[in-house]
């Protein structure tokens, strides 16, 4: 288990980086399919939540802001 001091340190570090942890309910099969199609995951997907998390972070980092 992580100490409260460690959790607080990570929270402050994320805050300095302009990041935030968010909880979002998703259809995992759909997210895997979209990430696979975009080349962020292998076609077979994954059973590893950490691999899925990293692939989703890469996809989000690659998003472009389009000004109309």
PDB file of N, CA and C in Angstrom:
ATOM      1  N   UNK A   1       0.835  -1.174   0.000  1.00  0.00           N
ATOM      2  CA  UNK A   1       0.000   0.000   0.000  1.00  0.00           C
ATOM      3  C   UNK A   1       0.889   1.250   0.000  1.00  0.00           C
ATOM      4  N   UNK A   2       0.441   2.265  -0.694  1.00  0.00           N
ATOM      5  CA  UNK A   2       1.202   3.498  -0.806  1.00  0.00           C
ATOM      6  C   UNK A   2       0.904   4.414   0.380  1.00  0.00           C
ATOM      7  N   UNK A   3       1.937   5.046   0.878  1.00  0.00           N
ATOM      8  CA  UNK A   3       1.751   5.959   2.009  1.00  0.00           C
ATOM      9  C   UNK A   3       1.028   7.220   1.546  1.00  0.00           C
ATOM     10  N   UNK A   4       0.368   7.877   2.480  1.00  0.00           N
ATOM     11  CA  UNK A   4      -0.340   9.107   2.136  1.00  0.00           C
ATOM     12  C   UNK A   4       0.638  10.180   1.678  1.00  0.00           C
ATOM     13  N   UNK A   5       1.838  10.189   2.218  1.00  0.00           N
ATOM     14  CA  UNK A   5       2.846  11.165   1.799  1.00  0.00           C
ATOM     15  C   UNK A   5       3.236  10.950   0.331  1.00  0.00           C
ATOM     16  N   UNK A   6       3.357   9.706  -0.076  1.00  0.00           N
ATOM     17  CA  UNK A   6       3.699   9.391  -1.467  1.00  0.00           C
ATOM     18  C   UNK A   6       2.555   9.795  -2.400  1.00  0.00           C
ATOM     19  N   UNK A   7       1.335   9.507  -2.020  1.00  0.00           N
ATOM     20  CA  UNK A   7       0.180   9.911  -2.836  1.00  0.00           C
ATOM     21  C   UNK A   7       0.132  11.429  -2.978  1.00  0.00           C
ATOM     22  N   UNK A   8       0.380  12.140  -1.899  1.00  0.00           N
ATOM     23  CA  UNK A   8       0.374  13.599  -1.919  1.00  0.00           C
ATOM     24  C   UNK A   8       1.492  14.129  -2.809  1.00  0.00           C
ATOM     25  N   UNK A   9       2.670  13.522  -2.749  1.00  0.00           N
ATOM     26  CA  UNK A   9       3.793  13.929  -3.595  1.00  0.00           C
ATOM     27  C   UNK A   9       3.433  13.779  -5.067  1.00  0.00           C
ATOM     28  N   UNK A  10       2.840  12.613  -5.433  1.00  0.00           N
ATOM     29  CA  UNK A  10       2.441  12.391  -6.827  1.00  0.00           C
ATOM     30  C   UNK A  10       1.356  13.374  -7.254  1.00  0.00           C
ATOM     31  N   UNK A  11       0.415  13.657  -6.351  1.00  0.00           N
ATOM     32  CA  UNK A  11      -0.649  14.612  -6.644  1.00  0.00           C
ATOM     33  C   UNK A  11      -0.060  15.993  -6.952  1.00  0.00           C
ATOM     34  N   UNK A  12       0.855  16.448  -6.123  1.00  0.00           N
ATOM     35  CA  UNK A  12       1.470  17.770  -6.330  1.00  0.00           C
ATOM     36  C   UNK A  12       2.305  17.797  -7.610  1.00  0.00           C
ATOM     37  N   UNK A  13       2.982  16.703  -7.899  1.00  0.00           N
ATOM     38  CA  UNK A  13       3.776  16.628  -9.131  1.00  0.00           C
ATOM     39  C   UNK A  13       2.854  16.729 -10.349  1.00  0.00           C
ATOM     40  N   UNK A  14       1.748  15.985 -10.345  1.00  0.00           N
ATOM     41  CA  UNK A  14       0.789  16.068 -11.453  1.00  0.00           C
ATOM     42  C   UNK A  14       0.244  17.484 -11.581  1.00  0.00           C
ATOM     43  N   UNK A  15      -0.065  18.089 -10.449  1.00  0.00           N
ATOM     44  CA  UNK A  15      -0.604  19.448 -10.444  1.00  0.00           C
ATOM     45  C   UNK A  15       0.379  20.424 -11.104  1.00  0.00           C
ATOM     46  N   UNK A  16       1.655  20.320 -10.769  1.00  0.00           N
ATOM     47  CA  UNK A  16       2.680  21.186 -11.369  1.00  0.00           C
ATOM     48  C   UNK A  16       2.765  20.975 -12.876  1.00  0.00           C
ATOM     49  N   UNK A  17       2.527  19.742 -13.313  1.00  0.00           N
ATOM     50  CA  UNK A  17       2.603  19.417 -14.741  1.00  0.00           C
ATOM     51  C   UNK A  17       1.296  19.714 -15.471  1.00  0.00           C
ATOM     52  N   UNK A  18       0.290  20.210 -14.738  1.00  0.00           N
ATOM     53  CA  UNK A  18      -1.003  20.502 -15.349  1.00  0.00           C
ATOM     54  C   UNK A  18      -1.796  19.253 -15.658  1.00  0.00           C
ATOM     55  N   UNK A  19      -1.530  18.188 -14.917  1.00  0.00           N
ATOM     56  CA  UNK A  19      -2.214  16.910 -15.144  1.00  0.00           C
ATOM     57  C   UNK A  19      -3.200  16.637 -14.016  1.00  0.00           C
ATOM     58  N   UNK A  20      -4.131  15.726 -14.290  1.00  0.00           N
ATOM     59  CA  UNK A  20      -5.138  15.352 -13.305  1.00  0.00           C
ATOM     60  C   UNK A  20      -5.547  13.900 -13.575  1.00  0.00           C
ATOM     61  N   UNK A  21      -5.813  13.156 -12.530  1.00  0.00           N
ATOM     62  CA  UNK A  21      -6.323  11.799 -12.660  1.00  0.00           C
ATOM     63  C   UNK A  21      -7.839  11.901 -12.763  1.00  0.00           C
ATOM     64  N   UNK A  22      -8.407  11.248 -13.784  1.00  0.00           N
ATOM     65  CA  UNK A  22      -9.851  11.287 -13.988  1.00  0.00           C
ATOM     66  C   UNK A  22     -10.386   9.864 -14.062  1.00  0.00           C
ATOM     67  N   UNK A  23     -11.563   9.656 -13.515  1.00  0.00           N
ATOM     68  CA  UNK A  23     -12.222   8.360 -13.604  1.00  0.00           C
ATOM     69  C   UNK A  23     -13.312   8.470 -14.662  1.00  0.00           C
ATOM     70  N   UNK A  24     -13.224   7.616 -15.686  1.00  0.00           N
ATOM     71  CA  UNK A  24     -14.175   7.643 -16.785  1.00  0.00           C
ATOM     72  C   UNK A  24     -14.626   6.206 -17.051  1.00  0.00           C
ATOM     73  N   UNK A  25     -15.919   5.992 -17.130  1.00  0.00           N
ATOM     74  CA  UNK A  25     -16.446   4.663 -17.432  1.00  0.00           C
ATOM     75  C   UNK A  25     -16.473   4.484 -18.944  1.00  0.00           C
ATOM     76  N   UNK A  26     -15.815   3.420 -19.431  1.00  0.00           N
ATOM     77  CA  UNK A  26     -15.731   3.174 -20.873  1.00  0.00           C
ATOM     78  C   UNK A  26     -15.991   1.701 -21.175  1.00  0.00           C
ATOM     79  N   UNK A  27     -16.300   1.429 -22.432  1.00  0.00           N
ATOM     80  CA  UNK A  27     -16.395   0.065 -22.943  1.00  0.00           C
ATOM     81  C   UNK A  27     -14.978  -0.342 -23.352  1.00  0.00           C
ATOM     82  N   UNK A  28     -14.353  -1.205 -22.568  1.00  0.00           N
ATOM     83  CA  UNK A  28     -12.944  -1.560 -22.788  1.00  0.00           C
ATOM     84  C   UNK A  28     -12.730  -2.142 -24.183  1.00  0.00           C
ATOM     85  N   UNK A  29     -13.633  -2.991 -24.649  1.00  0.00           N
ATOM     86  CA  UNK A  29     -13.471  -3.594 -25.978  1.00  0.00           C
ATOM     87  C   UNK A  29     -13.463  -2.513 -27.058  1.00  0.00           C
ATOM     88  N   UNK A  30     -14.320  -1.516 -26.910  1.00  0.00           N
ATOM     89  CA  UNK A  30     -14.376  -0.423 -27.887  1.00  0.00           C
ATOM     90  C   UNK A  30     -13.088   0.401 -27.839  1.00  0.00           C
ATOM     91  N   UNK A  31     -12.619   0.731 -26.656  1.00  0.00           N
ATOM     92  CA  UNK A  31     -11.381   1.517 -26.516  1.00  0.00           C
ATOM     93  C   UNK A  31     -10.211   0.736 -27.104  1.00  0.00           C
ATOM     94  N   UNK A  32     -10.138  -0.563 -26.823  1.00  0.00           N
ATOM     95  CA  UNK A  32      -9.065  -1.381 -27.393  1.00  0.00           C
ATOM     96  C   UNK A  32      -9.135  -1.389 -28.912  1.00  0.00           C
ATOM     97  N   UNK A  33     -10.341  -1.504 -29.472  1.00  0.00           N
ATOM     98  CA  UNK A  33     -10.502  -1.528 -30.926  1.00  0.00           C
ATOM     99  C   UNK A  33     -10.047  -0.205 -31.542  1.00  0.00           C
ATOM    100  N   UNK A  34     -10.444   0.909 -30.945  1.00  0.00           N
ATOM    101  CA  UNK A  34     -10.061   2.230 -31.463  1.00  0.00           C
ATOM    102  C   UNK A  34      -8.546   2.428 -31.353  1.00  0.00           C
ATOM    103  N   UNK A  35      -7.964   2.049 -30.213  1.00  0.00           N
ATOM    104  CA  UNK A  35      -6.513   2.202 -30.034  1.00  0.00           C
ATOM    105  C   UNK A  35      -5.749   1.295 -30.987  1.00  0.00           C
ATOM    106  N   UNK A  36      -6.273   0.122 -31.230  1.00  0.00           N
ATOM    107  CA  UNK A  36      -5.657  -0.813 -32.177  1.00  0.00           C
ATOM    108  C   UNK A  36      -5.687  -0.229 -33.583  1.00  0.00           C
ATOM    109  N   UNK A  37      -6.848   0.268 -33.981  1.00  0.00           N
ATOM    110  CA  UNK A  37      -7.022   0.852 -35.312  1.00  0.00           C
ATOM    111  C   UNK A  37      -6.082   2.041 -35.520  1.00  0.00           C
ATOM    112  N   UNK A  38      -5.838   2.797 -34.454  1.00  0.00           N
ATOM    113  CA  UNK A  38      -4.962   3.973 -34.534  1.00  0.00           C
ATOM    114  C   UNK A  38      -3.481   3.607 -34.405  1.00  0.00           C
ATOM    115  N   UNK A  39      -3.196   2.318 -34.161  1.00  0.00           N
ATOM    116  CA  UNK A  39      -1.804   1.873 -34.072  1.00  0.00           C
ATOM    117  C   UNK A  39      -1.177   2.009 -32.699  1.00  0.00           C
ATOM    118  N   UNK A  40      -1.984   2.262 -31.678  1.00  0.00           N
ATOM    119  CA  UNK A  40      -1.452   2.406 -30.320  1.00  0.00           C
ATOM    120  C   UNK A  40      -1.406   1.078 -29.559  1.00  0.00           C
ATOM    121  N   UNK A  41      -2.130   0.077 -30.055  1.00  0.00           N
ATOM    122  CA  UNK A  41      -2.145  -1.260 -29.439  1.00  0.00           C
ATOM    123  C   UNK A  41      -2.009  -2.295 -30.540  1.00  0.00           C
ATOM    124  N   UNK A  42      -1.465  -3.473 -30.221  1.00  0.00           N
ATOM    125  CA  UNK A  42      -1.440  -4.539 -31.226  1.00  0.00           C
ATOM    126  C   UNK A  42      -2.868  -4.993 -31.535  1.00  0.00           C
ATOM    127  N   UNK A  43      -3.102  -5.550 -32.733  1.00  0.00           N
ATOM    128  CA  UNK A  43      -4.459  -5.958 -33.118  1.00  0.00           C
ATOM    129  C   UNK A  43      -5.137  -6.906 -32.128  1.00  0.00           C
ATOM    130  N   UNK A  44      -4.362  -7.698 -31.414  1.00  0.00           N
ATOM    131  CA  UNK A  44      -4.954  -8.653 -30.467  1.00  0.00           C
ATOM    132  C   UNK A  44      -5.400  -7.974 -29.173  1.00  0.00           C
ATOM    133  N   UNK A  45      -5.093  -6.686 -29.008  1.00  0.00           N
ATOM    134  CA  UNK A  45      -5.457  -6.002 -27.765  1.00  0.00           C
ATOM    135  C   UNK A  45      -4.535  -6.429 -26.636  1.00  0.00           C
ATOM    136  N   UNK A  46      -5.032  -6.317 -25.403  1.00  0.00           N
ATOM    137  CA  UNK A  46      -4.212  -6.660 -24.250  1.00  0.00           C
ATOM    138  C   UNK A  46      -5.081  -6.991 -23.058  1.00  0.00           C
ATOM    139  N   UNK A  47      -4.552  -7.803 -22.169  1.00  0.00           N
ATOM    140  CA  UNK A  47      -5.229  -8.074 -20.899  1.00  0.00           C
ATOM    141  C   UNK A  47      -4.562  -7.287 -19.778  1.00  0.00           C
ATOM    142  N   UNK A  48      -3.537  -6.518 -20.139  1.00  0.00           N
ATOM    143  CA  UNK A  48      -2.768  -5.780 -19.146  1.00  0.00           C
ATOM    144  C   UNK A  48      -3.284  -4.346 -19.037  1.00  0.00           C
ATOM    145  N   UNK A  49      -3.893  -3.986 -17.901  1.00  0.00           N
ATOM    146  CA  UNK A  49      -4.437  -2.632 -17.741  1.00  0.00           C
ATOM    147  C   UNK A  49      -3.377  -1.542 -17.889  1.00  0.00           C
ATOM    148  N   UNK A  50      -2.148  -1.810 -17.481  1.00  0.00           N
ATOM    149  CA  UNK A  50      -1.073  -0.815 -17.588  1.00  0.00           C
ATOM    150  C   UNK A  50      -0.737  -0.533 -19.052  1.00  0.00           C
ATOM    151  N   UNK A  51      -0.711  -1.571 -19.883  1.00  0.00           N
ATOM    152  CA  UNK A  51      -0.455  -1.399 -21.318  1.00  0.00           C
ATOM    153  C   UNK A  51      -1.570  -0.587 -21.952  1.00  0.00           C
ATOM    154  N   UNK A  52      -2.801  -0.881 -21.569  1.00  0.00           N
ATOM    155  CA  UNK A  52      -3.953  -0.137 -22.082  1.00  0.00           C
ATOM    156  C   UNK A  52      -3.883   1.328 -21.641  1.00  0.00           C
ATOM    157  N   UNK A  53      -3.531   1.578 -20.397  1.00  0.00           N
ATOM    158  CA  UNK A  53      -3.424   2.943 -19.882  1.00  0.00           C
ATOM    159  C   UNK A  53      -2.374   3.743 -20.657  1.00  0.00           C
ATOM    160  N   UNK A  54      -1.206   3.124 -20.871  1.00  0.00           N
ATOM    161  CA  UNK A  54      -0.139   3.815 -21.604  1.00  0.00           C
ATOM    162  C   UNK A  54      -0.548   4.104 -23.053  1.00  0.00           C
ATOM    163  N   UNK A  55      -1.233   3.145 -23.676  1.00  0.00           N
ATOM    164  CA  UNK A  55      -1.692   3.347 -25.060  1.00  0.00           C
ATOM    165  C   UNK A  55      -2.708   4.484 -25.126  1.00  0.00           C
ATOM    166  N   UNK A  56      -3.600   4.546 -24.158  1.00  0.00           N
ATOM    167  CA  UNK A  56      -4.594   5.613 -24.130  1.00  0.00           C
ATOM    168  C   UNK A  56      -3.923   6.970 -23.892  1.00  0.00           C
ATOM    169  N   UNK A  57      -2.935   7.009 -23.012  1.00  0.00           N
ATOM    170  CA  UNK A  57      -2.194   8.259 -22.781  1.00  0.00           C
ATOM    171  C   UNK A  57      -1.490   8.717 -24.051  1.00  0.00           C
ATOM    172  N   UNK A  58      -0.877   7.780 -24.787  1.00  0.00           N
ATOM    173  CA  UNK A  58      -0.206   8.142 -26.053  1.00  0.00           C
ATOM    174  C   UNK A  58      -1.215   8.710 -27.043  1.00  0.00           C
ATOM    175  N   UNK A  59      -2.377   8.080 -27.133  1.00  0.00           N
ATOM    176  CA  UNK A  59      -3.405   8.548 -28.063  1.00  0.00           C
ATOM    177  C   UNK A  59      -3.865   9.957 -27.694  1.00  0.00           C
ATOM    178  N   UNK A  60      -4.131  10.186 -26.421  1.00  0.00           N
ATOM    179  CA  UNK A  60      -4.591  11.503 -25.975  1.00  0.00           C
ATOM    180  C   UNK A  60      -3.506  12.546 -26.192  1.00  0.00           C
ATOM    181  N   UNK A  61      -2.245  12.191 -25.912  1.00  0.00           N
ATOM    182  CA  UNK A  61      -1.136  13.123 -26.123  1.00  0.00           C
ATOM    183  C   UNK A  61      -1.020  13.536 -27.592  1.00  0.00           C
ATOM    184  N   UNK A  62      -1.461  12.670 -28.486  1.00  0.00           N
ATOM    185  CA  UNK A  62      -1.373  12.950 -29.913  1.00  0.00           C
ATOM    186  C   UNK A  62      -2.529  13.772 -30.462  1.00  0.00           C
ATOM    187  N   UNK A  63      -3.533  14.025 -29.643  1.00  0.00           N
ATOM    188  CA  UNK A  63      -4.673  14.822 -30.107  1.00  0.00           C
ATOM    189  C   UNK A  63      -4.218  16.233 -30.468  1.00  0.00           C
ATOM    190  N   UNK A  64      -4.806  16.783 -31.507  1.00  0.00           N
ATOM    191  CA  UNK A  64      -4.510  18.141 -31.943  1.00  0.00           C
ATOM    192  C   UNK A  64      -5.726  19.023 -31.660  1.00  0.00           C
ATOM    193  N   UNK A  65      -5.475  20.241 -31.238  1.00  0.00           N
ATOM    194  CA  UNK A  65      -6.548  21.191 -31.063  1.00  0.00           C
ATOM    195  C   UNK A  65      -6.772  21.873 -32.411  1.00  0.00           C
ATOM    196  N   UNK A  66      -8.007  21.829 -32.881  1.00  0.00           N
ATOM    197  CA  UNK A  66      -8.343  22.456 -34.152  1.00  0.00           C
ATOM    198  C   UNK A  66      -9.187  23.679 -33.868  1.00  0.00           C
ATOM    199  N   UNK A  67      -8.696  24.834 -34.268  1.00  0.00           N
ATOM    200  CA  UNK A  67      -9.446  26.079 -34.074  1.00  0.00           C
ATOM    201  C   UNK A  67     -10.262  26.354 -35.325  1.00  0.00           C
ATOM    202  N   UNK A  68     -11.508  26.669 -35.105  1.00  0.00           N
ATOM    203  CA  UNK A  68     -12.407  26.936 -36.231  1.00  0.00           C
ATOM    204  C   UNK A  68     -12.552  28.420 -36.434  1.00  0.00           C
TER     205      UNK A  68
END
